[in-house]
C-alpha atoms as a PDB file:
ATOM      1  CA  MET A   1     -10.048  -3.956 -16.979  1.00  0.00           C
ATOM      2  CA  THR A   2      -7.940  -2.618 -14.118  1.00  0.00           C
ATOM      3  CA  LYS A   3      -8.440  -3.737 -10.548  1.00  0.00           C
ATOM      4  CA  PRO A   4      -9.896  -1.253  -8.045  1.00  0.00           C
ATOM      5  CA  LEU A   5      -7.371   0.670  -5.975  1.00  0.00           C
ATOM      6  CA  LEU A   6      -6.940  -0.312  -2.333  1.00  0.00           C
ATOM      7  CA  THR A   7      -7.424   2.062   0.581  1.00  0.00           C
ATOM      8  CA  SER A   8      -4.855   2.330   3.353  1.00  0.00           C
ATOM      9  CA  ALA A   9      -7.220   0.320   5.563  1.00  0.00           C
ATOM     10  CA  ASP A  10      -7.526  -2.421   2.928  1.00  0.00           C
ATOM     11  CA  THR A  11      -3.751  -2.513   2.524  1.00  0.00           C
ATOM     12  CA  GLY A  12      -3.188  -2.579   6.274  1.00  0.00           C
ATOM     13  CA  GLN A  13      -5.604  -5.466   6.628  1.00  0.00           C
ATOM     14  CA  ILE A  14      -3.812  -7.449   3.899  1.00  0.00           C
ATOM     15  CA  LEU A  15      -0.396  -6.783   5.479  1.00  0.00           C
ATOM     16  CA  ASN A  16      -1.728  -7.122   9.046  1.00  0.00           C
ATOM     17  CA  VAL A  17      -0.443  -3.649   9.994  1.00  0.00           C
ATOM     18  CA  SER A  18      -2.114  -0.395  11.019  1.00  0.00           C
ATOM     19  CA  VAL A  19      -3.155   2.426   8.706  1.00  0.00           C
ATOM     20  CA  ALA A  20      -0.376   4.514  10.293  1.00  0.00           C
ATOM     21  CA  VAL A  21       2.227   1.952   9.192  1.00  0.00           C
ATOM     22  CA  VAL A  22       0.844   2.003   5.646  1.00  0.00           C
ATOM     23  CA  ALA A  23       1.070   5.817   5.652  1.00  0.00           C
ATOM     24  CA  ARG A  24       4.682   5.617   6.865  1.00  0.00           C
ATOM     25  CA  MET A  25       5.585   3.116   4.136  1.00  0.00           C
ATOM     26  CA  CYS A  26       4.091   5.459   1.533  1.00  0.00           C
ATOM     27  CA  ARG A  27       5.965   8.493   2.898  1.00  0.00           C
ATOM     28  CA  ARG A  28       9.388   6.764   2.918  1.00  0.00           C
ATOM     29  CA  PRO A  29       8.549   5.636  -0.071  1.00  0.00           C
ATOM     30  CA  GLU A  30       8.731   1.885   0.404  1.00  0.00           C
ATOM     31  CA  LEU A  31       5.256   1.373  -0.995  1.00  0.00           C
ATOM     32  CA  PRO A  32       4.121   3.307  -4.088  1.00  0.00           C
ATOM     33  CA  CYS A  33       0.795   5.041  -3.591  1.00  0.00           C
ATOM     34  CA  ILE A  34      -1.497   7.553  -5.232  1.00  0.00           C
ATOM     35  CA  MET A  35      -2.167  10.638  -3.122  1.00  0.00           C
ATOM     36  CA  LEU A  36      -5.757  11.838  -3.515  1.00  0.00           C
ATOM     37  CA  SER A  37      -5.328  14.328  -0.659  1.00  0.00           C
ATOM     38  CA  PRO A  38      -2.921  14.669   2.278  1.00  0.00           C
ATOM     39  CA  GLN A  39      -4.953  12.109   4.211  1.00  0.00           C
ATOM     40  CA  LYS A  40      -6.217   9.856   1.407  1.00  0.00           C
ATOM     41  CA  ARG A  41      -3.960   7.330  -0.260  1.00  0.00           C
ATOM     42  CA  ARG A  42      -4.752   4.582  -2.698  1.00  0.00           C
ATOM     43  CA  ILE A  43      -2.523   1.631  -3.481  1.00  0.00           C
ATOM     44  CA  ALA A  44      -2.596  -0.243  -6.776  1.00  0.00           C
ATOM     45  CA  PRO A  45      -2.950  -4.004  -6.184  1.00  0.00           C
ATOM     46  CA  GLU A  46      -0.014  -4.702  -8.510  1.00  0.00           C
ATOM     47  CA  ASP A  47       2.189  -2.330  -6.455  1.00  0.00           C
ATOM     48  CA  LEU A  48       1.189  -4.145  -3.277  1.00  0.00           C
ATOM     49  CA  ASP A  49       1.977  -7.494  -4.931  1.00  0.00           C
ATOM     50  CA  ALA A  50       5.399  -6.186  -5.982  1.00  0.00           C
ATOM     51  CA  PHE A  51       6.044  -4.858  -2.459  1.00  0.00           C
ATOM     52  CA  ILE A  52       5.198  -8.234  -0.919  1.00  0.00           C
ATOM     53  CA  ALA A  53       7.354 -10.096  -3.472  1.00  0.00           C
ATOM     54  CA  SER A  54      10.309  -7.779  -2.773  1.00  0.00           C
ATOM     55  CA  ARG A  55      10.120  -8.598   0.945  1.00  0.00           C
ATOM     56  CA  ARG A  56       9.958 -12.350   0.482  1.00  0.00           C
ATOM     57  CA  ARG A  57      12.926 -14.283   1.839  1.00  0.00           C
ATOM     58  CA  ARG A  58      13.896 -17.765   0.756  1.00  0.00           C
END
């Protein structure tokens, strides 16, 4: 079974950033998202995991 999609608010809370920053990351597109409407985005948990992993520095 697939995991539920995350809202911009959920994603912002996980990343400790605002909803506006999440929207900007989706527009650029740094973070893949699903557009339900111009104001509603959903982020797949696996895409968020991949985004976080790609930003990790060692």
